[in-house]
Amino acid sequence: MCAICNFKIEFGVGHPSALTVAVATREAIEAGRVEQMEEAQGPLAAARARMSAIDALNLLQARIEATHTPEQILALPDFYVFLIETDTWGFFHATVDGFDPDIVPDIPDVTNPDAALRSNVIVASEAGLRSFFDGSLSADLALRESVFLVEAPEDARAGLEHMLLHSEAALADMR
């Protein structure tokens, strides 16, 4: 599994692009392209929501590993995935055996004035990610409509977007 991170960015802001992704996800829900997730109720609601987010990150990792060769995975830059509903961060660092679950990453730099020095981050909604998993939302549409937003320098951004697109295309070829 990827490394699940327990940190908050300054002032509790998860990522500056979270609002953009939230608005895009709401529009996709209203258009019927993304299914609304049920809100957990009761005293353990936050814990259930966090476990659901961690499950989504694990499913993303499994999807990437199932659709990419070890060489393709090793070519990926280190990157974070931020799920906006629960402010859950995952960190993906490739090794010859897949992604390292034991790595302890630094807090991502999401506000550096020099965009080239910011961390590589995929900002997504869990609802959008789950719709991607079930095939009701394509990676291309999710990227175009900002349901998935890749914040990274150009080379890393292109590589991470290609990873998402390839994850979908390779899975379709397996069916």
N, C-alpha and C. Protein backbone atom coordinates (compact mmCIF):
# COMPACT_ATOMS: atom_id res chain seq x y z
N MET A 1 0.84 -1.17 0.00
CA MET A 1 0.00 0.00 0.00
C MET A 1 0.88 1.23 0.00
N CYS A 2 0.35 2.35 -0.44
CA CYS A 2 1.09 3.60 -0.41
C CYS A 2 1.20 4.07 1.04
N ALA A 3 2.07 5.01 1.28
CA ALA A 3 2.21 5.56 2.62
C ALA A 3 1.05 6.51 2.89
N ILE A 4 0.31 6.28 3.96
CA ILE A 4 -0.78 7.16 4.35
C ILE A 4 -0.19 8.19 5.31
N CYS A 5 -0.42 9.44 5.02
CA CYS A 5 0.24 10.52 5.76
C CYS A 5 -0.71 11.18 6.74
N ASN A 6 -0.18 11.54 7.89
CA ASN A 6 -0.96 12.22 8.92
C ASN A 6 -0.40 13.62 9.15
N PHE A 7 -0.71 14.52 8.24
CA PHE A 7 -0.31 15.90 8.45
C PHE A 7 -1.30 16.84 7.81
N LYS A 8 -1.29 18.04 8.31
CA LYS A 8 -2.14 19.11 7.78
C LYS A 8 -1.22 20.21 7.31
N ILE A 9 -1.64 20.88 6.26
CA ILE A 9 -0.90 22.03 5.77
C ILE A 9 -1.33 23.24 6.60
N GLU A 10 -0.50 24.24 6.62
CA GLU A 10 -0.73 25.46 7.40
C GLU A 10 -2.19 25.91 7.38
N PHE A 11 -2.72 26.24 8.54
CA PHE A 11 -4.09 26.72 8.73
C PHE A 11 -5.14 25.67 8.34
N GLY A 12 -4.76 24.41 8.32
CA GLY A 12 -5.71 23.36 8.02
C GLY A 12 -6.16 23.31 6.57
N VAL A 13 -5.52 24.05 5.70
CA VAL A 13 -5.86 24.01 4.28
C VAL A 13 -5.18 22.79 3.70
N GLY A 14 -5.97 21.87 3.18
CA GLY A 14 -5.39 20.64 2.65
C GLY A 14 -4.58 20.88 1.40
N HIS A 15 -5.13 21.59 0.46
CA HIS A 15 -4.43 21.92 -0.79
C HIS A 15 -5.14 23.11 -1.41
N PRO A 16 -4.38 24.05 -1.96
CA PRO A 16 -5.01 25.23 -2.56
C PRO A 16 -6.00 24.92 -3.68
N SER A 17 -5.86 23.78 -4.33
CA SER A 17 -6.77 23.44 -5.44
C SER A 17 -7.97 22.60 -5.00
N ALA A 18 -8.10 22.36 -3.71
CA ALA A 18 -9.20 21.52 -3.22
C ALA A 18 -10.57 22.09 -3.59
N LEU A 19 -10.72 23.39 -3.50
CA LEU A 19 -12.01 23.99 -3.84
C LEU A 19 -12.35 23.81 -5.32
N THR A 20 -11.36 23.95 -6.18
CA THR A 20 -11.57 23.74 -7.62
C THR A 20 -12.07 22.33 -7.87
N VAL A 21 -11.44 21.35 -7.24
CA VAL A 21 -11.84 19.95 -7.41
C VAL A 21 -13.21 19.71 -6.80
N ALA A 22 -13.50 20.32 -5.66
CA ALA A 22 -14.82 20.16 -5.03
C ALA A 22 -15.93 20.69 -5.92
N VAL A 23 -15.73 21.85 -6.51
CA VAL A 23 -16.74 22.42 -7.41
C VAL A 23 -16.90 21.54 -8.65
N ALA A 24 -15.79 21.08 -9.22
CA ALA A 24 -15.86 20.21 -10.40
C ALA A 24 -16.57 18.90 -10.07
N THR A 25 -16.30 18.36 -8.89
CA THR A 25 -16.96 17.12 -8.48
C THR A 25 -18.46 17.33 -8.30
N ARG A 26 -18.84 18.43 -7.67
CA ARG A 26 -20.27 18.73 -7.48
C ARG A 26 -20.95 18.83 -8.84
N GLU A 27 -20.32 19.51 -9.80
CA GLU A 27 -20.90 19.63 -11.15
C GLU A 27 -21.01 18.26 -11.81
N ALA A 28 -20.01 17.40 -11.62
CA ALA A 28 -20.06 16.05 -12.20
C ALA A 28 -21.15 15.21 -11.54
N ILE A 29 -21.36 15.39 -10.24
CA ILE A 29 -22.45 14.69 -9.55
C ILE A 29 -23.79 15.14 -10.10
N GLU A 30 -23.97 16.45 -10.23
CA GLU A 30 -25.23 16.98 -10.75
C GLU A 30 -25.47 16.57 -12.20
N ALA A 31 -24.40 16.35 -12.96
CA ALA A 31 -24.54 15.92 -14.36
C ALA A 31 -24.68 14.40 -14.47
N GLY A 32 -24.58 13.68 -13.35
CA GLY A 32 -24.75 12.24 -13.36
C GLY A 32 -23.51 11.46 -13.75
N ARG A 33 -22.35 12.10 -13.80
CA ARG A 33 -21.11 11.41 -14.18
C ARG A 33 -20.38 10.83 -12.98
N VAL A 34 -20.67 11.34 -11.80
CA VAL A 34 -20.05 10.87 -10.56
C VAL A 34 -21.18 10.59 -9.58
N GLU A 35 -21.06 9.46 -8.89
CA GLU A 35 -22.08 9.10 -7.91
C GLU A 35 -21.79 9.76 -6.57
N GLN A 36 -22.81 10.36 -5.99
CA GLN A 36 -22.68 10.99 -4.67
C GLN A 36 -22.36 9.91 -3.65
N MET A 37 -21.39 10.15 -2.80
CA MET A 37 -21.06 9.20 -1.75
C MET A 37 -21.97 9.43 -0.56
N GLU A 38 -22.33 8.36 0.10
CA GLU A 38 -23.15 8.48 1.30
C GLU A 38 -22.29 9.01 2.43
N GLU A 39 -22.83 9.96 3.17
CA GLU A 39 -22.11 10.49 4.32
C GLU A 39 -22.27 9.54 5.49
N ALA A 40 -21.14 9.22 6.12
CA ALA A 40 -21.18 8.37 7.30
C ALA A 40 -21.86 9.13 8.44
N GLN A 41 -22.62 8.40 9.24
CA GLN A 41 -23.36 8.99 10.35
C GLN A 41 -22.87 8.37 11.66
N GLY A 42 -23.11 9.08 12.74
CA GLY A 42 -22.83 8.53 14.06
C GLY A 42 -21.49 8.96 14.61
N PRO A 43 -21.19 8.45 15.81
CA PRO A 43 -19.99 8.89 16.51
C PRO A 43 -18.68 8.50 15.83
N LEU A 44 -18.70 7.49 15.00
CA LEU A 44 -17.48 7.05 14.32
C LEU A 44 -17.45 7.47 12.85
N ALA A 45 -18.25 8.46 12.50
CA ALA A 45 -18.37 8.88 11.10
C ALA A 45 -17.03 9.32 10.52
N ALA A 46 -16.27 10.10 11.26
CA ALA A 46 -14.99 10.59 10.75
C ALA A 46 -14.02 9.43 10.52
N ALA A 47 -14.01 8.47 11.44
CA ALA A 47 -13.13 7.32 11.29
C ALA A 47 -13.53 6.47 10.08
N ARG A 48 -14.84 6.28 9.89
CA ARG A 48 -15.31 5.52 8.73
C ARG A 48 -14.95 6.22 7.42
N ALA A 49 -15.12 7.54 7.40
CA ALA A 49 -14.79 8.31 6.20
C ALA A 49 -13.30 8.21 5.89
N ARG A 50 -12.48 8.28 6.92
CA ARG A 50 -11.03 8.17 6.72
C ARG A 50 -10.67 6.78 6.21
N MET A 51 -11.26 5.75 6.76
CA MET A 51 -10.98 4.38 6.30
C MET A 51 -11.42 4.21 4.85
N SER A 52 -12.52 4.81 4.47
CA SER A 52 -12.98 4.76 3.09
C SER A 52 -11.97 5.44 2.17
N ALA A 53 -11.44 6.58 2.61
CA ALA A 53 -10.44 7.29 1.81
C ALA A 53 -9.16 6.46 1.66
N ILE A 54 -8.73 5.83 2.74
CA ILE A 54 -7.54 4.98 2.68
C ILE A 54 -7.79 3.81 1.74
N ASP A 55 -8.98 3.23 1.79
CA ASP A 55 -9.34 2.16 0.86
C ASP A 55 -9.26 2.64 -0.59
N ALA A 56 -9.73 3.85 -0.86
CA ALA A 56 -9.66 4.40 -2.22
C ALA A 56 -8.21 4.58 -2.66
N LEU A 57 -7.35 5.03 -1.76
CA LEU A 57 -5.93 5.16 -2.11
C LEU A 57 -5.31 3.79 -2.40
N ASN A 58 -5.68 2.79 -1.62
CA ASN A 58 -5.18 1.43 -1.86
C ASN A 58 -5.68 0.89 -3.20
N LEU A 59 -6.94 1.19 -3.54
CA LEU A 59 -7.47 0.77 -4.84
C LEU A 59 -6.75 1.47 -5.98
N LEU A 60 -6.41 2.74 -5.80
CA LEU A 60 -5.64 3.45 -6.82
C LEU A 60 -4.28 2.80 -7.00
N GLN A 61 -3.63 2.49 -5.90
CA GLN A 61 -2.33 1.82 -6.00
C GLN A 61 -2.46 0.49 -6.73
N ALA A 62 -3.46 -0.30 -6.37
CA ALA A 62 -3.66 -1.59 -7.03
C ALA A 62 -3.91 -1.41 -8.52
N ARG A 63 -4.68 -0.40 -8.88
CA ARG A 63 -4.96 -0.13 -10.30
C ARG A 63 -3.67 0.23 -11.03
N ILE A 64 -2.86 1.08 -10.44
CA ILE A 64 -1.61 1.48 -11.08
C ILE A 64 -0.70 0.28 -11.24
N GLU A 65 -0.55 -0.51 -10.18
CA GLU A 65 0.35 -1.66 -10.23
C GLU A 65 -0.15 -2.73 -11.19
N ALA A 66 -1.46 -2.88 -11.34
CA ALA A 66 -2.02 -3.90 -12.23
C ALA A 66 -1.90 -3.51 -13.70
N THR A 67 -1.76 -2.23 -13.98
CA THR A 67 -1.79 -1.77 -15.37
C THR A 67 -0.46 -1.21 -15.86
N HIS A 68 0.56 -1.25 -15.03
CA HIS A 68 1.87 -0.75 -15.42
C HIS A 68 2.93 -1.81 -15.14
N THR A 69 3.95 -1.84 -15.98
CA THR A 69 5.09 -2.74 -15.73
C THR A 69 5.93 -2.16 -14.60
N PRO A 70 6.76 -2.99 -13.97
CA PRO A 70 7.65 -2.44 -12.94
C PRO A 70 8.52 -1.28 -13.46
N GLU A 71 8.95 -1.38 -14.70
CA GLU A 71 9.76 -0.30 -15.28
C GLU A 71 8.96 1.00 -15.40
N GLN A 72 7.70 0.88 -15.80
CA GLN A 72 6.85 2.07 -15.90
C GLN A 72 6.60 2.69 -14.53
N ILE A 73 6.41 1.85 -13.53
CA ILE A 73 6.19 2.35 -12.18
C ILE A 73 7.44 3.05 -11.66
N LEU A 74 8.61 2.44 -11.89
CA LEU A 74 9.86 3.06 -11.43
C LEU A 74 10.13 4.40 -12.12
N ALA A 75 9.59 4.58 -13.32
CA ALA A 75 9.79 5.84 -14.04
C ALA A 75 8.92 6.97 -13.51
N LEU A 76 7.93 6.64 -12.69
CA LEU A 76 7.05 7.68 -12.14
C LEU A 76 7.79 8.52 -11.11
N PRO A 77 7.49 9.81 -11.07
CA PRO A 77 8.07 10.62 -10.00
C PRO A 77 7.37 10.31 -8.68
N ASP A 78 8.01 10.61 -7.57
CA ASP A 78 7.31 10.54 -6.29
C ASP A 78 6.12 11.50 -6.37
N PHE A 79 4.98 11.08 -5.82
CA PHE A 79 3.83 11.97 -5.85
C PHE A 79 2.90 11.70 -4.67
N TYR A 80 2.13 12.72 -4.37
CA TYR A 80 1.10 12.64 -3.34
C TYR A 80 -0.25 12.57 -4.02
N VAL A 81 -1.21 11.96 -3.35
CA VAL A 81 -2.61 12.05 -3.75
C VAL A 81 -3.35 12.63 -2.55
N PHE A 82 -4.11 13.67 -2.81
CA PHE A 82 -4.88 14.33 -1.75
C PHE A 82 -6.36 14.15 -2.05
N LEU A 83 -7.08 13.50 -1.13
CA LEU A 83 -8.53 13.31 -1.27
C LEU A 83 -9.23 14.39 -0.46
N ILE A 84 -10.01 15.19 -1.16
CA ILE A 84 -10.53 16.44 -0.58
C ILE A 84 -11.59 16.24 0.50
N GLU A 85 -12.39 15.18 0.42
CA GLU A 85 -13.50 15.03 1.38
C GLU A 85 -13.01 14.88 2.81
N THR A 86 -11.88 14.20 2.98
CA THR A 86 -11.39 13.89 4.33
C THR A 86 -10.01 14.46 4.61
N ASP A 87 -9.49 15.26 3.70
CA ASP A 87 -8.12 15.78 3.83
C ASP A 87 -7.12 14.64 4.05
N THR A 88 -7.29 13.57 3.30
CA THR A 88 -6.42 12.41 3.42
C THR A 88 -5.34 12.46 2.35
N TRP A 89 -4.11 12.32 2.79
CA TRP A 89 -2.95 12.32 1.90
C TRP A 89 -2.38 10.92 1.79
N GLY A 90 -2.00 10.53 0.59
CA GLY A 90 -1.22 9.32 0.37
C GLY A 90 0.05 9.72 -0.37
N PHE A 91 1.14 9.01 -0.12
CA PHE A 91 2.40 9.30 -0.79
C PHE A 91 2.84 8.07 -1.55
N PHE A 92 3.17 8.23 -2.80
CA PHE A 92 3.54 7.13 -3.67
C PHE A 92 5.01 7.27 -4.07
N HIS A 93 5.83 6.34 -3.60
CA HIS A 93 7.25 6.29 -3.93
C HIS A 93 7.51 4.91 -4.52
N ALA A 94 7.89 4.87 -5.78
CA ALA A 94 8.07 3.60 -6.49
C ALA A 94 9.34 2.88 -6.06
N THR A 95 9.23 1.56 -5.95
CA THR A 95 10.38 0.68 -5.73
C THR A 95 10.24 -0.47 -6.71
N VAL A 96 11.22 -1.36 -6.74
CA VAL A 96 11.14 -2.51 -7.65
C VAL A 96 9.99 -3.44 -7.28
N ASP A 97 9.51 -3.34 -6.06
CA ASP A 97 8.40 -4.19 -5.59
C ASP A 97 7.07 -3.46 -5.54
N GLY A 98 6.96 -2.33 -6.20
CA GLY A 98 5.73 -1.54 -6.15
C GLY A 98 5.98 -0.27 -5.35
N PHE A 99 4.94 0.24 -4.72
CA PHE A 99 5.06 1.47 -3.95
C PHE A 99 5.42 1.15 -2.50
N ASP A 100 6.28 1.96 -1.93
CA ASP A 100 6.80 1.76 -0.58
C ASP A 100 5.79 2.24 0.47
N PRO A 101 5.23 1.32 1.29
CA PRO A 101 4.25 1.74 2.30
C PRO A 101 4.89 2.28 3.58
N ASP A 102 6.20 2.09 3.72
CA ASP A 102 6.85 2.45 4.98
C ASP A 102 7.61 3.77 4.93
N ILE A 103 7.66 4.39 3.77
CA ILE A 103 8.38 5.65 3.65
C ILE A 103 7.67 6.73 4.46
N VAL A 104 8.44 7.61 5.05
CA VAL A 104 7.88 8.74 5.79
C VAL A 104 8.24 10.00 4.99
N PRO A 105 7.28 10.51 4.23
CA PRO A 105 7.58 11.65 3.36
C PRO A 105 7.59 12.97 4.13
N ASP A 106 8.21 13.95 3.51
CA ASP A 106 8.12 15.31 4.03
C ASP A 106 6.72 15.84 3.79
N ILE A 107 6.36 16.87 4.52
CA ILE A 107 5.09 17.56 4.25
C ILE A 107 5.18 18.13 2.85
N PRO A 108 4.17 17.93 2.03
CA PRO A 108 4.25 18.43 0.65
C PRO A 108 4.31 19.96 0.61
N ASP A 109 5.09 20.45 -0.33
CA ASP A 109 5.18 21.89 -0.55
C ASP A 109 4.15 22.23 -1.62
N VAL A 110 3.07 22.86 -1.22
CA VAL A 110 2.00 23.18 -2.18
C VAL A 110 1.84 24.67 -2.42
N THR A 111 2.67 25.48 -1.76
CA THR A 111 2.51 26.93 -1.87
C THR A 111 3.77 27.66 -2.30
N ASN A 112 4.81 26.95 -2.66
CA ASN A 112 6.06 27.61 -3.06
C ASN A 112 5.78 28.54 -4.24
N PRO A 113 6.26 29.79 -4.17
CA PRO A 113 6.04 30.71 -5.29
C PRO A 113 6.62 30.20 -6.61
N ASP A 114 7.67 29.38 -6.51
CA ASP A 114 8.26 28.78 -7.71
C ASP A 114 7.56 27.44 -7.95
N ALA A 115 6.69 27.40 -8.94
CA ALA A 115 5.90 26.19 -9.22
C ALA A 115 6.77 24.97 -9.46
N ALA A 116 7.97 25.17 -9.99
CA ALA A 116 8.86 24.04 -10.27
C ALA A 116 9.36 23.37 -8.99
N LEU A 117 9.25 24.06 -7.86
CA LEU A 117 9.73 23.50 -6.60
C LEU A 117 8.61 22.90 -5.75
N ARG A 118 7.38 22.99 -6.20
CA ARG A 118 6.26 22.41 -5.46
C ARG A 118 6.27 20.89 -5.59
N SER A 119 5.62 20.26 -4.65
CA SER A 119 5.49 18.80 -4.68
C SER A 119 4.54 18.38 -5.79
N ASN A 120 4.72 17.15 -6.28
CA ASN A 120 3.83 16.57 -7.27
C ASN A 120 2.60 16.04 -6.53
N VAL A 121 1.43 16.60 -6.86
CA VAL A 121 0.21 16.24 -6.14
C VAL A 121 -0.93 16.00 -7.12
N ILE A 122 -1.63 14.89 -6.94
CA ILE A 122 -2.90 14.67 -7.62
C ILE A 122 -3.99 15.00 -6.61
N VAL A 123 -4.75 16.04 -6.90
CA VAL A 123 -5.86 16.44 -6.03
C VAL A 123 -7.11 15.82 -6.63
N ALA A 124 -7.85 15.08 -5.82
CA ALA A 124 -9.03 14.38 -6.33
C ALA A 124 -10.08 14.28 -5.24
N SER A 125 -11.28 14.00 -5.68
CA SER A 125 -12.34 13.66 -4.72
C SER A 125 -12.43 12.14 -4.66
N GLU A 126 -12.74 11.63 -3.50
CA GLU A 126 -12.93 10.18 -3.39
C GLU A 126 -14.09 9.74 -4.27
N ALA A 127 -15.13 10.54 -4.33
CA ALA A 127 -16.28 10.20 -5.18
C ALA A 127 -15.85 10.08 -6.64
N GLY A 128 -15.03 11.00 -7.10
CA GLY A 128 -14.53 10.94 -8.48
C GLY A 128 -13.64 9.74 -8.70
N LEU A 129 -12.78 9.45 -7.73
CA LEU A 129 -11.89 8.31 -7.84
C LEU A 129 -12.68 7.01 -7.91
N ARG A 130 -13.70 6.88 -7.08
CA ARG A 130 -14.50 5.65 -7.11
C ARG A 130 -15.30 5.53 -8.42
N SER A 131 -15.74 6.65 -8.97
CA SER A 131 -16.42 6.60 -10.27
C SER A 131 -15.44 6.21 -11.38
N PHE A 132 -14.19 6.63 -11.24
CA PHE A 132 -13.14 6.21 -12.16
C PHE A 132 -12.93 4.70 -12.05
N PHE A 133 -12.88 4.18 -10.83
CA PHE A 133 -12.68 2.75 -10.63
C PHE A 133 -13.79 1.92 -11.26
N ASP A 134 -15.04 2.39 -11.14
CA ASP A 134 -16.15 1.58 -11.66
C ASP A 134 -16.42 1.83 -13.14
N GLY A 135 -15.64 2.71 -13.76
CA GLY A 135 -15.76 2.93 -15.20
C GLY A 135 -16.79 3.96 -15.61
N SER A 136 -17.46 4.59 -14.66
CA SER A 136 -18.48 5.57 -15.04
C SER A 136 -17.89 6.96 -15.30
N LEU A 137 -16.64 7.18 -14.95
CA LEU A 137 -15.95 8.44 -15.21
C LEU A 137 -14.59 8.12 -15.81
N SER A 138 -14.36 8.60 -17.02
CA SER A 138 -13.07 8.34 -17.66
C SER A 138 -11.99 9.24 -17.06
N ALA A 139 -10.76 8.78 -17.12
CA ALA A 139 -9.64 9.59 -16.65
C ALA A 139 -9.54 10.87 -17.46
N ASP A 140 -9.75 10.76 -18.76
CA ASP A 140 -9.67 11.94 -19.63
C ASP A 140 -10.68 13.00 -19.20
N LEU A 141 -11.92 12.59 -18.99
CA LEU A 141 -12.96 13.53 -18.58
C LEU A 141 -12.67 14.09 -17.17
N ALA A 142 -12.22 13.23 -16.28
CA ALA A 142 -11.89 13.68 -14.92
C ALA A 142 -10.79 14.74 -14.95
N LEU A 143 -9.80 14.55 -15.80
CA LEU A 143 -8.72 15.53 -15.92
C LEU A 143 -9.20 16.81 -16.60
N ARG A 144 -9.98 16.67 -17.66
CA ARG A 144 -10.47 17.86 -18.39
C ARG A 144 -11.39 18.71 -17.53
N GLU A 145 -12.21 18.07 -16.70
CA GLU A 145 -13.19 18.80 -15.89
C GLU A 145 -12.69 19.11 -14.48
N SER A 146 -11.43 18.81 -14.21
CA SER A 146 -10.79 19.09 -12.91
C SER A 146 -11.37 18.30 -11.74
N VAL A 147 -11.97 17.14 -12.02
CA VAL A 147 -12.34 16.23 -10.94
C VAL A 147 -11.06 15.60 -10.39
N PHE A 148 -10.07 15.42 -11.28
CA PHE A 148 -8.69 15.10 -10.91
C PHE A 148 -7.86 16.28 -11.39
N LEU A 149 -7.03 16.79 -10.53
CA LEU A 149 -6.18 17.91 -10.89
C LEU A 149 -4.75 17.55 -10.53
N VAL A 150 -3.87 17.52 -11.53
CA VAL A 150 -2.47 17.19 -11.29
C VAL A 150 -1.69 18.49 -11.17
N GLU A 151 -1.16 18.72 -10.00
CA GLU A 151 -0.35 19.91 -9.73
C GLU A 151 1.10 19.46 -9.64
N ALA A 152 1.87 19.77 -10.67
CA ALA A 152 3.27 19.36 -10.72
C ALA A 152 3.96 20.12 -11.84
N PRO A 153 5.31 20.18 -11.80
CA PRO A 153 6.02 20.74 -12.94
C PRO A 153 5.67 19.96 -14.21
N GLU A 154 5.84 20.56 -15.36
CA GLU A 154 5.33 20.03 -16.63
C GLU A 154 5.67 18.56 -16.88
N ASP A 155 6.94 18.17 -16.75
CA ASP A 155 7.31 16.78 -17.04
C ASP A 155 6.61 15.81 -16.10
N ALA A 156 6.61 16.12 -14.81
CA ALA A 156 5.95 15.25 -13.84
C ALA A 156 4.44 15.24 -14.06
N ARG A 157 3.87 16.40 -14.36
CA ARG A 157 2.42 16.48 -14.61
C ARG A 157 2.04 15.59 -15.78
N ALA A 158 2.79 15.70 -16.87
CA ALA A 158 2.50 14.88 -18.06
C ALA A 158 2.62 13.40 -17.73
N GLY A 159 3.63 13.03 -16.96
CA GLY A 159 3.82 11.62 -16.60
C GLY A 159 2.70 11.09 -15.71
N LEU A 160 2.25 11.90 -14.77
CA LEU A 160 1.18 11.47 -13.87
C LEU A 160 -0.17 11.42 -14.59
N GLU A 161 -0.42 12.37 -15.47
CA GLU A 161 -1.66 12.31 -16.26
C GLU A 161 -1.64 11.08 -17.16
N HIS A 162 -0.50 10.80 -17.78
CA HIS A 162 -0.39 9.61 -18.62
C HIS A 162 -0.62 8.35 -17.79
N MET A 163 -0.11 8.33 -16.56
CA MET A 163 -0.32 7.18 -15.68
C MET A 163 -1.81 6.93 -15.46
N LEU A 164 -2.56 7.99 -15.19
CA LEU A 164 -4.00 7.84 -14.98
C LEU A 164 -4.69 7.36 -16.25
N LEU A 165 -4.34 7.95 -17.38
CA LEU A 165 -4.95 7.56 -18.66
C LEU A 165 -4.59 6.11 -19.00
N HIS A 166 -3.34 5.73 -18.78
CA HIS A 166 -2.89 4.37 -19.07
C HIS A 166 -3.56 3.36 -18.14
N SER A 167 -3.79 3.76 -16.89
CA SER A 167 -4.46 2.86 -15.93
C SER A 167 -5.84 2.47 -16.43
N GLU A 168 -6.50 3.41 -17.06
CA GLU A 168 -7.83 3.15 -17.60
C GLU A 168 -7.76 2.33 -18.89
N ALA A 169 -6.89 2.73 -19.81
CA ALA A 169 -6.79 2.06 -21.11
C ALA A 169 -6.31 0.63 -20.95
N ALA A 170 -5.30 0.42 -20.11
CA ALA A 170 -4.77 -0.93 -19.92
C ALA A 170 -5.80 -1.84 -19.28
N LEU A 171 -6.59 -1.31 -18.37
CA LEU A 171 -7.63 -2.11 -17.73
C LEU A 171 -8.70 -2.51 -18.74
N ALA A 172 -9.05 -1.58 -19.63
CA ALA A 172 -10.04 -1.88 -20.67
C ALA A 172 -9.51 -2.98 -21.59
N ASP A 173 -8.21 -2.95 -21.88
CA ASP A 173 -7.62 -3.99 -22.73
C ASP A 173 -7.61 -5.35 -22.05
N MET A 174 -7.56 -5.37 -20.70
CA MET A 174 -7.54 -6.63 -19.95
C MET A 174 -8.91 -7.30 -19.94
N ARG A 175 -9.96 -6.51 -20.12
CA ARG A 175 -11.33 -7.05 -20.01
C ARG A 175 -11.69 -7.90 -21.16
